[in-house]
């Protein structure tokens, strides 16, 4: 496995012997009957994004990275990732299949000279991102934005839904993919440490009341609840 780290979109480091298991590999162990293609395991980690110089530097630095290796997995450690920045990076890393971010900011930084938000939300039909790990979701709109940026998303993992009940988030997502006739998203994961058998019974009841046309399966693994359907 090759990991490439950018500390500020200018400094590149390559730790060669890091074989620590990645978040998307746990899915194979627990839920899905699939495998990780290790020939496409190169991960890029961006630790800091300088919004002052973003427009000038991002293309140059992504080009430098791609001369080292093709990037299939992206992790952005920056606490707040503005949607315009994320969209630009995804469009440059055309072979990207997984994405991990801490928090998606919907509010444009004053110093960022970019297009209006409505342009940022346009559907990116060229994106190959299939698996997304959003550590903290603050607003329900973040799901729609990610779905527009990555319309072929198959799996979404969320650790925390700040100020929102995860059941509300789950219901919103299920309704949206039903009414949008989304044929790609088929697996959700929420971190719910307090979940027990009674929780799963209530969730099954809620899903049945929504009259969704899918065969649902709910599975609890450690502190996570997985929702899979076909």
Foldseek 3Di string as FASTA:
>chain_A
DWEWEAAELPDIDIDDPDPDDDPVQVCCVPPDVDHDDVVQPYEYEYEHYDLLCRVPRNLVSLVVVVVVHQHAEYEYNPQEDELQSVLVNQVSNQNHAEYEYAEYDPDDDPNHDDDDSVVSQAADPSGNHAEYEHAEAADLVVVSSVCRSHVQHAEYEYEYYPPDDVLVSVVVVLVVCQVVVRPHHFKYKYQAQPDDPVNVVVSVVVVVVVVDPWDWDWDDDRRMIMIGTD
